[in-house]
């Protein structure tokens, strides 16, 4: 009698093991739930995806032709790929003091923007311009002014964030940002991109970030 009970118990246990084995094989291992640290890492990677931090050295400031122009030069190739580059941010070669370099950058940008504004004013002041041409020139002039103000606001915001200086160049929807800092981490680059997206409404894939050592 006891032997029969033991036999029945063993058969029952074997049946349970078979059922559990089949269930495990059918369902497979459960996916691991990411920890909060892993989630933050994924989110950060998503944020930086497409952000280009150029590795090449730059001898001169990028062209700044904010609103579409027939004589535009190609913008920095920040939006060619959605795959983030892992190279370290570029260091602009130092031949002058950092302050002089940034002052020169801003003077060049302001001169280019003013040239574009003057072109629109000339159209508006030309008695031979059609009403449509005058209206378009006025709209473009206002766009230039608004964009210039937004760029200067971003520069001041970056300086308030801890950078000694900052300059922003915009050509169409391509933006190049140069900040004065000895080193620039990926997290800092992401924060700069966030400011550009918020205030200039430019996709992250169209932004190039560089730094100039002090």
N, C-alpha and C. Protein backbone atom coordinates (compact mmCIF):
# COMPACT_ATOMS: atom_id res chain seq x y z
N UNK A 1 0.82 -1.20 0.00
CA UNK A 1 0.00 0.00 0.00
C UNK A 1 0.87 1.27 0.00
N UNK A 2 1.88 1.23 0.86
CA UNK A 2 2.79 2.39 0.95
C UNK A 2 3.55 2.56 -0.36
N UNK A 3 3.98 1.44 -0.95
CA UNK A 3 4.71 1.48 -2.22
C UNK A 3 3.84 2.07 -3.32
N UNK A 4 2.55 1.70 -3.31
CA UNK A 4 1.66 2.23 -4.33
C UNK A 4 1.50 3.74 -4.18
N UNK A 5 1.38 4.23 -2.95
CA UNK A 5 1.26 5.66 -2.73
C UNK A 5 2.51 6.42 -3.20
N UNK A 6 3.66 5.85 -2.91
CA UNK A 6 4.92 6.48 -3.35
C UNK A 6 4.99 6.54 -4.88
N UNK A 7 4.53 5.45 -5.50
CA UNK A 7 4.54 5.41 -6.97
C UNK A 7 3.64 6.50 -7.56
N UNK A 8 2.43 6.64 -6.97
CA UNK A 8 1.48 7.65 -7.42
C UNK A 8 2.07 9.05 -7.22
N UNK A 9 2.74 9.27 -6.09
CA UNK A 9 3.33 10.59 -5.78
C UNK A 9 4.44 10.93 -6.77
N UNK A 10 5.26 9.94 -7.09
CA UNK A 10 6.34 10.16 -8.05
C UNK A 10 5.79 10.49 -9.43
N UNK A 11 4.77 9.75 -9.86
CA UNK A 11 4.16 10.02 -11.15
C UNK A 11 3.55 11.42 -11.21
N UNK A 12 2.94 11.83 -10.09
CA UNK A 12 2.35 13.18 -10.03
C UNK A 12 3.42 14.25 -10.16
N UNK A 13 4.52 14.07 -9.44
CA UNK A 13 5.60 15.04 -9.51
C UNK A 13 6.20 15.12 -10.91
N UNK A 14 6.36 13.96 -11.55
CA UNK A 14 6.89 13.94 -12.91
C UNK A 14 5.97 14.69 -13.88
N UNK A 15 4.66 14.47 -13.68
CA UNK A 15 3.69 15.16 -14.54
C UNK A 15 3.78 16.67 -14.36
N UNK A 16 3.92 17.11 -13.09
CA UNK A 16 4.04 18.55 -12.83
C UNK A 16 5.29 19.11 -13.48
N UNK A 17 6.41 18.37 -13.38
CA UNK A 17 7.66 18.83 -13.98
C UNK A 17 7.54 18.94 -15.49
N UNK A 18 6.85 17.98 -16.11
CA UNK A 18 6.66 18.01 -17.56
C UNK A 18 5.84 19.23 -17.96
N UNK A 19 4.78 19.52 -17.20
CA UNK A 19 3.93 20.67 -17.51
C UNK A 19 4.70 21.97 -17.37
N UNK A 20 5.50 22.08 -16.26
CA UNK A 20 6.28 23.30 -16.06
C UNK A 20 7.33 23.48 -17.14
N UNK A 21 7.96 22.37 -17.55
CA UNK A 21 8.97 22.45 -18.61
C UNK A 21 8.35 22.91 -19.93
N UNK A 22 7.19 22.37 -20.24
CA UNK A 22 6.50 22.77 -21.46
C UNK A 22 6.10 24.24 -21.43
N UNK A 23 5.64 24.71 -20.26
CA UNK A 23 5.23 26.11 -20.13
C UNK A 23 6.43 27.03 -20.32
N UNK A 24 7.56 26.66 -19.71
CA UNK A 24 8.75 27.49 -19.82
C UNK A 24 9.24 27.56 -21.26
N UNK A 25 9.21 26.41 -21.95
CA UNK A 25 9.67 26.39 -23.34
C UNK A 25 8.74 27.22 -24.23
N UNK A 26 7.45 27.19 -23.92
CA UNK A 26 6.48 27.91 -24.74
C UNK A 26 6.55 29.42 -24.51
N UNK A 27 6.69 29.82 -23.25
CA UNK A 27 6.68 31.25 -22.92
C UNK A 27 8.05 31.88 -23.05
N UNK A 28 9.10 31.11 -22.77
CA UNK A 28 10.45 31.64 -22.83
C UNK A 28 10.72 32.53 -21.63
N UNK A 29 11.97 32.96 -21.45
CA UNK A 29 12.30 33.82 -20.32
C UNK A 29 11.66 35.18 -20.46
N UNK A 30 11.20 35.74 -19.37
CA UNK A 30 10.55 37.05 -19.37
C UNK A 30 11.60 38.11 -19.64
N UNK A 31 11.19 39.15 -20.35
CA UNK A 31 12.11 40.23 -20.64
C UNK A 31 12.47 40.94 -19.35
N UNK A 32 13.74 41.32 -19.27
CA UNK A 32 14.20 42.00 -18.09
C UNK A 32 13.66 43.42 -18.08
N UNK A 33 13.14 43.85 -16.94
CA UNK A 33 12.62 45.20 -16.80
C UNK A 33 13.79 46.13 -16.55
N UNK A 34 13.98 47.16 -17.39
CA UNK A 34 15.13 48.03 -17.21
C UNK A 34 15.03 48.82 -15.92
N UNK A 35 16.17 49.01 -15.30
CA UNK A 35 16.22 49.82 -14.09
C UNK A 35 16.10 51.28 -14.47
N UNK A 36 15.92 52.15 -13.47
CA UNK A 36 15.79 53.57 -13.76
C UNK A 36 17.05 54.11 -14.42
N UNK A 37 18.21 53.61 -14.01
CA UNK A 37 19.46 54.04 -14.63
C UNK A 37 19.53 53.65 -16.09
N UNK A 38 19.05 52.43 -16.40
CA UNK A 38 19.04 51.99 -17.79
C UNK A 38 18.07 52.82 -18.62
N UNK A 39 16.91 53.14 -18.03
CA UNK A 39 15.94 53.96 -18.74
C UNK A 39 16.51 55.34 -19.05
N UNK A 40 17.23 55.94 -18.09
CA UNK A 40 17.84 57.24 -18.32
C UNK A 40 18.88 57.17 -19.42
N UNK A 41 19.65 56.08 -19.44
CA UNK A 41 20.67 55.92 -20.47
C UNK A 41 20.04 55.82 -21.85
N UNK A 42 18.91 55.07 -21.93
CA UNK A 42 18.21 54.93 -23.21
C UNK A 42 17.65 56.27 -23.65
N UNK A 43 17.03 56.99 -22.71
CA UNK A 43 16.47 58.29 -23.05
C UNK A 43 17.55 59.25 -23.52
N UNK A 44 18.71 59.22 -22.85
CA UNK A 44 19.78 60.11 -23.22
C UNK A 44 20.30 59.76 -24.61
N UNK A 45 20.38 58.46 -24.91
CA UNK A 45 20.84 58.04 -26.24
C UNK A 45 19.86 58.50 -27.30
N UNK A 46 18.53 58.42 -26.97
CA UNK A 46 17.53 58.87 -27.93
C UNK A 46 17.67 60.37 -28.16
N UNK A 47 17.98 61.12 -27.09
CA UNK A 47 18.10 62.56 -27.22
C UNK A 47 19.28 62.95 -28.10
N UNK A 48 20.40 62.24 -27.93
CA UNK A 48 21.61 62.60 -28.65
C UNK A 48 21.65 62.01 -30.05
N UNK A 49 20.70 61.11 -30.36
CA UNK A 49 20.69 60.49 -31.69
C UNK A 49 20.57 61.56 -32.77
N UNK A 50 21.49 61.54 -33.70
CA UNK A 50 21.46 62.50 -34.78
C UNK A 50 22.22 63.78 -34.52
N UNK A 51 22.67 63.99 -33.28
CA UNK A 51 23.42 65.19 -32.97
C UNK A 51 24.86 65.00 -33.41
N UNK A 52 25.35 65.91 -34.22
CA UNK A 52 26.71 65.79 -34.75
C UNK A 52 27.64 66.70 -33.98
N UNK A 53 28.65 66.12 -33.34
CA UNK A 53 29.70 66.88 -32.70
C UNK A 53 30.94 66.68 -33.55
N UNK A 54 31.27 67.66 -34.37
CA UNK A 54 32.28 67.49 -35.39
C UNK A 54 33.66 67.24 -34.79
N UNK A 55 34.42 66.41 -35.46
CA UNK A 55 35.77 66.10 -35.00
C UNK A 55 36.83 66.87 -35.76
N UNK A 56 36.45 67.50 -36.89
CA UNK A 56 37.45 68.23 -37.67
C UNK A 56 37.67 69.61 -37.07
N UNK A 57 38.87 70.13 -37.30
CA UNK A 57 39.19 71.46 -36.82
C UNK A 57 38.63 72.51 -37.77
N UNK A 58 38.33 73.66 -37.19
CA UNK A 58 37.71 74.73 -37.98
C UNK A 58 38.61 75.94 -37.94
N UNK A 59 38.96 76.48 -39.12
CA UNK A 59 39.83 77.66 -39.14
C UNK A 59 39.05 78.96 -39.17
N UNK A 60 37.76 78.92 -39.55
CA UNK A 60 37.00 80.14 -39.69
C UNK A 60 35.56 79.91 -39.27
N UNK A 61 34.88 81.00 -39.01
CA UNK A 61 33.48 80.90 -38.60
C UNK A 61 32.64 80.43 -39.76
N UNK A 62 31.61 79.62 -39.49
CA UNK A 62 30.70 79.19 -40.57
C UNK A 62 29.96 80.37 -41.15
N UNK A 63 29.52 80.21 -42.39
CA UNK A 63 28.71 81.26 -43.02
C UNK A 63 27.37 81.35 -42.30
N UNK A 64 26.91 82.56 -42.12
CA UNK A 64 25.62 82.77 -41.46
C UNK A 64 24.70 83.50 -42.42
N UNK A 65 23.91 82.77 -43.18
CA UNK A 65 22.91 83.35 -44.07
C UNK A 65 21.57 82.82 -43.62
N UNK A 66 20.95 83.49 -42.62
CA UNK A 66 19.80 82.93 -41.91
C UNK A 66 18.61 82.57 -42.77
N UNK A 67 18.24 83.42 -43.73
CA UNK A 67 17.04 83.14 -44.52
C UNK A 67 17.46 82.85 -45.94
N UNK A 68 16.76 81.91 -46.60
CA UNK A 68 17.13 81.42 -47.92
C UNK A 68 17.66 82.49 -48.85
N UNK A 69 18.84 82.26 -49.39
CA UNK A 69 19.47 83.21 -50.30
C UNK A 69 19.98 82.46 -51.51
N UNK A 70 19.99 83.13 -52.66
CA UNK A 70 20.46 82.48 -53.88
C UNK A 70 21.94 82.19 -53.82
N UNK A 71 22.68 82.97 -52.99
CA UNK A 71 24.12 82.81 -52.93
C UNK A 71 24.55 82.04 -51.70
N UNK A 72 23.66 81.20 -51.18
CA UNK A 72 23.99 80.45 -49.97
C UNK A 72 25.14 79.49 -50.23
N UNK A 73 25.98 79.34 -49.21
CA UNK A 73 27.00 78.31 -49.23
C UNK A 73 26.43 77.08 -48.54
N UNK A 74 26.93 75.88 -48.85
CA UNK A 74 26.41 74.68 -48.18
C UNK A 74 26.57 74.79 -46.69
N UNK A 75 25.53 74.38 -45.95
CA UNK A 75 25.59 74.43 -44.49
C UNK A 75 26.42 73.30 -43.97
N UNK A 76 26.79 73.40 -42.67
CA UNK A 76 27.53 72.30 -42.02
C UNK A 76 26.72 71.04 -42.13
N UNK A 77 27.37 69.95 -42.45
CA UNK A 77 26.66 68.71 -42.74
C UNK A 77 26.23 68.04 -41.44
N UNK A 78 25.33 68.70 -40.70
CA UNK A 78 24.89 68.16 -39.43
C UNK A 78 23.74 67.21 -39.58
N UNK A 79 23.00 67.30 -40.71
CA UNK A 79 21.81 66.48 -40.82
C UNK A 79 21.93 65.35 -41.80
N UNK A 80 23.14 64.96 -42.16
CA UNK A 80 23.30 63.93 -43.17
C UNK A 80 22.87 62.57 -42.67
N UNK A 81 23.02 62.30 -41.40
CA UNK A 81 22.75 60.97 -40.87
C UNK A 81 22.09 61.07 -39.53
N UNK A 82 21.30 60.06 -39.20
CA UNK A 82 20.66 59.99 -37.89
C UNK A 82 21.47 59.18 -36.91
N UNK A 83 22.64 58.71 -37.33
CA UNK A 83 23.48 57.92 -36.45
C UNK A 83 24.43 58.84 -35.71
N UNK A 84 24.39 58.86 -34.38
CA UNK A 84 25.26 59.78 -33.64
C UNK A 84 26.72 59.42 -33.80
N UNK A 85 27.56 60.42 -33.96
CA UNK A 85 28.98 60.19 -34.03
C UNK A 85 29.56 60.27 -32.63
N UNK A 86 30.51 59.41 -32.36
CA UNK A 86 31.05 59.33 -31.01
C UNK A 86 32.37 60.07 -30.86
N UNK A 87 32.81 60.74 -31.93
CA UNK A 87 34.07 61.47 -31.84
C UNK A 87 33.94 62.61 -30.85
N UNK A 88 35.06 63.01 -30.28
CA UNK A 88 35.04 64.10 -29.31
C UNK A 88 34.73 65.40 -30.02
N UNK A 89 34.11 66.36 -29.30
CA UNK A 89 33.81 67.66 -29.91
C UNK A 89 35.07 68.32 -30.44
N UNK A 90 34.87 69.12 -31.49
CA UNK A 90 36.02 69.75 -32.13
C UNK A 90 36.55 70.89 -31.28
N UNK A 91 37.84 71.09 -31.32
CA UNK A 91 38.47 72.23 -30.67
C UNK A 91 38.90 73.19 -31.77
N UNK A 92 38.36 74.40 -31.73
CA UNK A 92 38.73 75.39 -32.73
C UNK A 92 40.16 75.83 -32.47
N UNK A 93 41.04 75.80 -33.50
CA UNK A 93 42.43 76.17 -33.29
C UNK A 93 42.56 77.57 -32.72
N UNK A 94 43.47 77.75 -31.80
CA UNK A 94 43.64 79.03 -31.12
C UNK A 94 44.80 79.79 -31.74
N UNK A 95 44.50 80.86 -32.45
CA UNK A 95 45.53 81.76 -32.95
C UNK A 95 45.38 83.14 -32.32
N UNK A 96 44.22 83.39 -31.70
CA UNK A 96 43.96 84.62 -30.98
C UNK A 96 43.41 84.22 -29.62
N UNK A 97 43.13 85.20 -28.80
CA UNK A 97 42.47 84.88 -27.54
C UNK A 97 41.04 84.45 -27.83
N UNK A 98 40.48 83.68 -26.91
CA UNK A 98 39.12 83.18 -27.11
C UNK A 98 38.13 84.33 -27.26
N UNK A 99 38.30 85.36 -26.47
CA UNK A 99 37.38 86.51 -26.55
C UNK A 99 37.44 87.17 -27.92
N UNK A 100 38.64 87.30 -28.47
CA UNK A 100 38.79 87.91 -29.79
C UNK A 100 38.16 87.03 -30.87
N UNK A 101 38.31 85.72 -30.72
CA UNK A 101 37.73 84.80 -31.70
C UNK A 101 36.21 84.92 -31.70
N UNK A 102 35.61 84.91 -30.52
CA UNK A 102 34.14 84.99 -30.44
C UNK A 102 33.65 86.35 -30.91
N UNK A 103 34.39 87.40 -30.61
CA UNK A 103 34.01 88.72 -31.08
C UNK A 103 34.04 88.78 -32.60
N UNK A 104 35.06 88.16 -33.18
CA UNK A 104 35.15 88.11 -34.64
C UNK A 104 34.02 87.30 -35.26
N UNK A 105 33.67 86.17 -34.63
CA UNK A 105 32.55 85.35 -35.10
C UNK A 105 31.27 86.18 -35.16
N UNK A 106 31.00 86.88 -34.06
CA UNK A 106 29.74 87.62 -33.97
C UNK A 106 29.71 88.81 -34.94
N UNK A 107 30.85 89.45 -35.12
CA UNK A 107 30.91 90.56 -36.07
C UNK A 107 30.65 90.07 -37.49
N UNK A 108 31.22 88.92 -37.82
CA UNK A 108 31.00 88.36 -39.16
C UNK A 108 29.53 88.01 -39.35
N UNK A 109 28.92 87.38 -38.34
CA UNK A 109 27.51 87.01 -38.47
C UNK A 109 26.63 88.25 -38.59
N UNK A 110 26.89 89.24 -37.76
CA UNK A 110 26.08 90.46 -37.80
C UNK A 110 26.19 91.16 -39.14
N UNK A 111 27.40 91.16 -39.71
CA UNK A 111 27.59 91.80 -41.02
C UNK A 111 26.81 91.07 -42.10
N UNK A 112 26.81 89.75 -42.03
CA UNK A 112 26.08 88.97 -43.04
C UNK A 112 24.57 89.17 -42.90
N UNK A 113 24.10 89.20 -41.66
CA UNK A 113 22.66 89.42 -41.43
C UNK A 113 22.26 90.81 -41.90
N UNK A 114 23.09 91.81 -41.58
CA UNK A 114 22.77 93.18 -41.99
C UNK A 114 22.75 93.31 -43.50
N UNK A 115 23.64 92.59 -44.16
CA UNK A 115 23.65 92.62 -45.64
C UNK A 115 22.33 92.09 -46.19
N UNK A 116 21.84 91.02 -45.59
CA UNK A 116 20.55 90.46 -46.03
C UNK A 116 19.41 91.44 -45.76
N UNK A 117 19.46 92.12 -44.61
CA UNK A 117 18.43 93.10 -44.30
C UNK A 117 18.47 94.25 -45.30
N UNK A 118 19.67 94.70 -45.62
CA UNK A 118 19.81 95.81 -46.57
C UNK A 118 19.24 95.44 -47.93
N UNK A 119 19.42 94.19 -48.33
CA UNK A 119 18.87 93.73 -49.61
C UNK A 119 17.35 93.84 -49.61
N UNK A 120 16.72 93.47 -48.50
CA UNK A 120 15.26 93.55 -48.42
C UNK A 120 14.80 95.00 -48.36
N UNK A 121 15.56 95.86 -47.66
CA UNK A 121 15.20 97.27 -47.60
C UNK A 121 15.30 97.91 -48.98
N UNK A 122 16.30 97.49 -49.75
CA UNK A 122 16.46 98.03 -51.10
C UNK A 122 15.27 97.68 -51.97
N UNK A 123 14.76 96.46 -51.81
CA UNK A 123 13.59 96.05 -52.59
C UNK A 123 12.37 96.86 -52.18
N UNK A 124 12.21 97.05 -50.86
CA UNK A 124 11.06 97.81 -50.37
C UNK A 124 11.12 99.27 -50.80
N UNK A 125 12.35 99.81 -50.90
CA UNK A 125 12.50 101.22 -51.26
C UNK A 125 12.55 101.48 -52.75
N UNK A 126 12.56 100.43 -53.54
CA UNK A 126 12.63 100.59 -55.00
C UNK A 126 11.24 100.87 -55.54
N UNK A 127 11.11 102.00 -56.21
CA UNK A 127 9.79 102.40 -56.74
C UNK A 127 9.32 101.47 -57.85
N UNK A 128 10.25 100.72 -58.43
CA UNK A 128 9.86 99.81 -59.50
C UNK A 128 9.46 98.42 -58.97
N UNK A 129 9.60 98.19 -57.69
CA UNK A 129 9.23 96.90 -57.11
C UNK A 129 7.72 96.74 -57.12
N UNK A 130 7.26 95.56 -57.46
CA UNK A 130 5.82 95.29 -57.46
C UNK A 130 5.32 95.19 -56.02
N UNK A 131 4.03 95.37 -55.80
CA UNK A 131 3.48 95.23 -54.45
C UNK A 131 3.78 93.86 -53.83
N UNK A 132 3.74 92.83 -54.67
CA UNK A 132 4.05 91.48 -54.16
C UNK A 132 5.50 91.38 -53.71
N UNK A 133 6.42 91.96 -54.51
CA UNK A 133 7.84 91.91 -54.16
C UNK A 133 8.10 92.70 -52.88
N UNK A 134 7.43 93.82 -52.71
CA UNK A 134 7.58 94.62 -51.50
C UNK A 134 7.07 93.85 -50.28
N UNK A 135 5.92 93.20 -50.44
CA UNK A 135 5.36 92.43 -49.33
C UNK A 135 6.28 91.28 -48.94
N UNK A 136 6.83 90.59 -49.93
CA UNK A 136 7.74 89.49 -49.65
C UNK A 136 9.02 89.98 -48.97
N UNK A 137 9.54 91.10 -49.44
CA UNK A 137 10.75 91.67 -48.84
C UNK A 137 10.50 92.09 -47.39
N UNK A 138 9.33 92.65 -47.15
CA UNK A 138 8.99 93.06 -45.78
C UNK A 138 8.89 91.85 -44.87
N UNK A 139 8.25 90.77 -45.35
CA UNK A 139 8.11 89.56 -44.55
C UNK A 139 9.47 88.94 -44.26
N UNK A 140 10.35 88.94 -45.27
CA UNK A 140 11.69 88.37 -45.07
C UNK A 140 12.51 89.21 -44.11
N UNK A 141 12.36 90.53 -44.20
CA UNK A 141 13.08 91.43 -43.29
C UNK A 141 12.66 91.16 -41.84
N UNK A 142 11.35 91.01 -41.63
CA UNK A 142 10.86 90.73 -40.28
C UNK A 142 11.34 89.36 -39.79
N UNK A 143 11.40 88.40 -40.71
CA UNK A 143 11.89 87.07 -40.35
C UNK A 143 13.36 87.13 -39.94
N UNK A 144 14.13 87.89 -40.69
CA UNK A 144 15.55 88.07 -40.35
C UNK A 144 15.71 88.70 -38.97
N UNK A 145 14.92 89.72 -38.70
CA UNK A 145 15.01 90.41 -37.41
C UNK A 145 14.62 89.49 -36.26
N UNK A 146 13.51 88.76 -36.43
CA UNK A 146 13.06 87.85 -35.38
C UNK A 146 14.07 86.73 -35.13
N UNK A 147 14.63 86.21 -36.23
CA UNK A 147 15.60 85.12 -36.09
C UNK A 147 16.88 85.62 -35.42
N UNK A 148 17.30 86.82 -35.77
CA UNK A 148 18.50 87.39 -35.16
C UNK A 148 18.30 87.59 -33.66
N UNK A 149 17.13 88.08 -33.28
CA UNK A 149 16.83 88.25 -31.86
C UNK A 149 16.81 86.91 -31.12
N UNK A 150 16.23 85.89 -31.76
CA UNK A 150 16.17 84.57 -31.15
C UNK A 150 17.57 83.99 -30.96
N UNK A 151 18.44 84.19 -31.94
CA UNK A 151 19.81 83.69 -31.85
C UNK A 151 20.56 84.38 -30.70
N UNK A 152 20.40 85.68 -30.59
CA UNK A 152 21.08 86.40 -29.51
C UNK A 152 20.55 85.97 -28.14
N UNK A 153 19.25 85.67 -28.07
CA UNK A 153 18.68 85.18 -26.82
C UNK A 153 19.26 83.83 -26.43
N UNK A 154 19.45 82.96 -27.42
CA UNK A 154 20.04 81.64 -27.16
C UNK A 154 21.48 81.80 -26.67
N UNK A 155 22.21 82.70 -27.29
CA UNK A 155 23.60 82.94 -26.87
C UNK A 155 23.66 83.41 -25.43
N UNK A 156 22.77 84.32 -25.05
CA UNK A 156 22.74 84.80 -23.67
C UNK A 156 22.32 83.68 -22.71
N UNK A 157 21.41 82.83 -23.17
CA UNK A 157 20.97 81.72 -22.34
C UNK A 157 22.11 80.74 -22.10
N UNK A 158 22.90 80.47 -23.13
CA UNK A 158 24.04 79.58 -22.98
C UNK A 158 25.09 80.17 -22.04
N UNK A 159 25.30 81.47 -22.14
CA UNK A 159 26.25 82.12 -21.24
C UNK A 159 25.74 82.05 -19.80
N UNK A 160 24.43 82.21 -19.63
CA UNK A 160 23.85 82.10 -18.29
C UNK A 160 23.93 80.68 -17.75
N UNK A 161 24.06 79.69 -18.66
CA UNK A 161 24.15 78.29 -18.24
C UNK A 161 25.56 77.91 -17.79
N UNK A 162 26.51 78.84 -17.92
CA UNK A 162 27.85 78.56 -17.43
C UNK A 162 28.97 78.65 -18.45
N UNK A 163 28.62 78.84 -19.74
CA UNK A 163 29.65 78.97 -20.76
C UNK A 163 30.16 80.41 -20.78
N UNK A 164 31.47 80.56 -20.93
CA UNK A 164 32.05 81.90 -20.90
C UNK A 164 31.55 82.75 -22.08
N UNK A 165 31.34 82.10 -23.21
CA UNK A 165 30.78 82.80 -24.36
C UNK A 165 30.17 81.77 -25.30
N UNK A 166 29.37 82.24 -26.21
CA UNK A 166 28.71 81.33 -27.16
C UNK A 166 28.34 82.12 -28.41
N UNK A 167 28.40 81.45 -29.54
CA UNK A 167 27.98 82.08 -30.80
C UNK A 167 27.20 81.04 -31.59
N UNK A 168 26.13 81.50 -32.22
CA UNK A 168 25.24 80.61 -32.98
C UNK A 168 25.16 81.12 -34.41
N UNK A 169 25.41 80.22 -35.34
CA UNK A 169 25.28 80.52 -36.77
C UNK A 169 24.12 79.71 -37.32
N UNK A 170 23.28 80.34 -38.12
CA UNK A 170 22.13 79.65 -38.68
C UNK A 170 22.06 79.90 -40.18
N UNK A 171 21.93 78.82 -40.91
CA UNK A 171 21.73 78.92 -42.36
C UNK A 171 20.56 78.02 -42.71
N UNK A 172 19.46 78.65 -43.14
CA UNK A 172 18.20 77.93 -43.33
C UNK A 172 17.85 77.24 -42.02
N UNK A 173 17.73 75.91 -42.04
CA UNK A 173 17.40 75.19 -40.82
C UNK A 173 18.61 74.42 -40.28
N UNK A 174 19.82 74.84 -40.66
CA UNK A 174 21.05 74.25 -40.15
C UNK A 174 21.67 75.21 -39.14
N UNK A 175 22.12 74.69 -38.02
CA UNK A 175 22.67 75.54 -36.97
C UNK A 175 24.03 75.01 -36.53
N UNK A 176 24.98 75.91 -36.38
CA UNK A 176 26.28 75.59 -35.79
C UNK A 176 26.43 76.40 -34.52
N UNK A 177 26.75 75.71 -33.43
CA UNK A 177 26.92 76.35 -32.14
C UNK A 177 28.37 76.17 -31.70
N UNK A 178 29.01 77.25 -31.31
CA UNK A 178 30.36 77.20 -30.75
C UNK A 178 30.31 77.82 -29.36
N UNK A 179 30.74 77.07 -28.35
CA UNK A 179 30.75 77.58 -26.98
C UNK A 179 32.19 77.66 -26.49
N UNK A 180 32.43 78.61 -25.60
CA UNK A 180 33.78 78.77 -25.03
C UNK A 180 33.88 77.91 -23.78
N UNK A 181 34.65 76.82 -23.90
CA UNK A 181 34.80 75.89 -22.79
C UNK A 181 36.00 74.99 -23.10
N UNK A 182 36.72 74.61 -22.07
CA UNK A 182 37.90 73.77 -22.29
C UNK A 182 37.54 72.37 -22.72
N UNK A 183 36.42 71.85 -22.25
CA UNK A 183 35.96 70.52 -22.64
C UNK A 183 34.44 70.56 -22.74
N UNK A 184 33.89 69.66 -23.56
CA UNK A 184 32.44 69.61 -23.73
C UNK A 184 32.01 68.15 -23.76
N UNK A 185 31.19 67.76 -22.78
CA UNK A 185 30.72 66.38 -22.70
C UNK A 185 29.50 66.18 -23.60
N UNK A 186 29.16 64.91 -23.81
CA UNK A 186 27.98 64.60 -24.62
C UNK A 186 26.71 65.13 -23.95
N UNK A 187 26.65 65.04 -22.62
CA UNK A 187 25.47 65.54 -21.91
C UNK A 187 25.31 67.04 -22.12
N UNK A 188 26.42 67.77 -22.09
CA UNK A 188 26.35 69.21 -22.31
C UNK A 188 25.92 69.52 -23.74
N UNK A 189 26.40 68.72 -24.69
CA UNK A 189 25.98 68.91 -26.08
C UNK A 189 24.48 68.70 -26.23
N UNK A 190 23.94 67.70 -25.53
CA UNK A 190 22.50 67.43 -25.58
C UNK A 190 21.72 68.62 -25.02
N UNK A 191 22.22 69.22 -23.94
CA UNK A 191 21.53 70.38 -23.36
C UNK A 191 21.55 71.56 -24.34
N UNK A 192 22.66 71.74 -25.04
CA UNK A 192 22.74 72.82 -26.03
C UNK A 192 21.72 72.57 -27.14
N UNK A 193 21.65 71.32 -27.58
CA UNK A 193 20.68 70.97 -28.62
C UNK A 193 19.26 71.26 -28.17
N UNK A 194 18.97 70.98 -26.91
CA UNK A 194 17.63 71.22 -26.38
C UNK A 194 17.29 72.71 -26.46
N UNK A 195 18.25 73.58 -26.14
CA UNK A 195 18.01 75.03 -26.23
C UNK A 195 17.75 75.44 -27.68
N UNK A 196 18.53 74.87 -28.60
CA UNK A 196 18.36 75.23 -30.01
C UNK A 196 16.99 74.79 -30.51
N UNK A 197 16.59 73.57 -30.15
CA UNK A 197 15.29 73.06 -30.58
C UNK A 197 14.15 73.91 -30.02
N UNK A 198 14.29 74.33 -28.77
CA UNK A 198 13.21 75.08 -28.12
C UNK A 198 13.08 76.50 -28.67
N UNK A 199 14.21 77.17 -28.86
CA UNK A 199 14.16 78.59 -29.20
C UNK A 199 14.28 78.88 -30.69
N UNK A 200 14.89 77.97 -31.44
CA UNK A 200 15.04 78.20 -32.88
C UNK A 200 14.24 77.21 -33.71
N UNK A 201 13.61 76.24 -33.05
CA UNK A 201 12.75 75.27 -33.74
C UNK A 201 13.49 74.55 -34.86
N UNK A 202 14.67 74.03 -34.52
CA UNK A 202 15.51 73.31 -35.48
C UNK A 202 15.67 71.87 -35.01
N UNK A 203 15.51 70.88 -35.90
CA UNK A 203 15.69 69.48 -35.49
C UNK A 203 17.11 69.21 -35.00
N UNK A 204 17.23 68.26 -34.08
CA UNK A 204 18.54 67.92 -33.52
C UNK A 204 19.51 67.45 -34.59
N UNK A 205 18.98 66.80 -35.64
CA UNK A 205 19.85 66.29 -36.70
C UNK A 205 20.46 67.39 -37.55
N UNK A 206 20.00 68.63 -37.35
CA UNK A 206 20.51 69.75 -38.14
C UNK A 206 21.40 70.66 -37.31
N UNK A 207 21.87 70.17 -36.18
CA UNK A 207 22.67 70.99 -35.28
C UNK A 207 24.08 70.43 -35.16
N UNK A 208 25.06 71.30 -35.28
CA UNK A 208 26.46 70.94 -35.09
C UNK A 208 26.99 71.71 -33.88
N UNK A 209 27.61 70.99 -32.94
CA UNK A 209 28.10 71.60 -31.70
C UNK A 209 29.63 71.50 -31.63
N UNK A 210 30.27 72.62 -31.32
CA UNK A 210 31.73 72.64 -31.18
C UNK A 210 32.09 73.44 -29.93
N UNK A 211 33.36 73.38 -29.53
CA UNK A 211 33.77 74.21 -28.42
C UNK A 211 35.13 74.82 -28.69
N UNK A 212 35.32 75.99 -28.10
CA UNK A 212 36.58 76.73 -28.21
C UNK A 212 37.20 76.79 -26.82
N UNK A 213 38.41 76.27 -26.69
CA UNK A 213 39.08 76.30 -25.40
C UNK A 213 39.39 77.74 -25.00
N UNK A 214 39.33 78.00 -23.71
CA UNK A 214 39.59 79.35 -23.21
C UNK A 214 41.08 79.67 -23.32
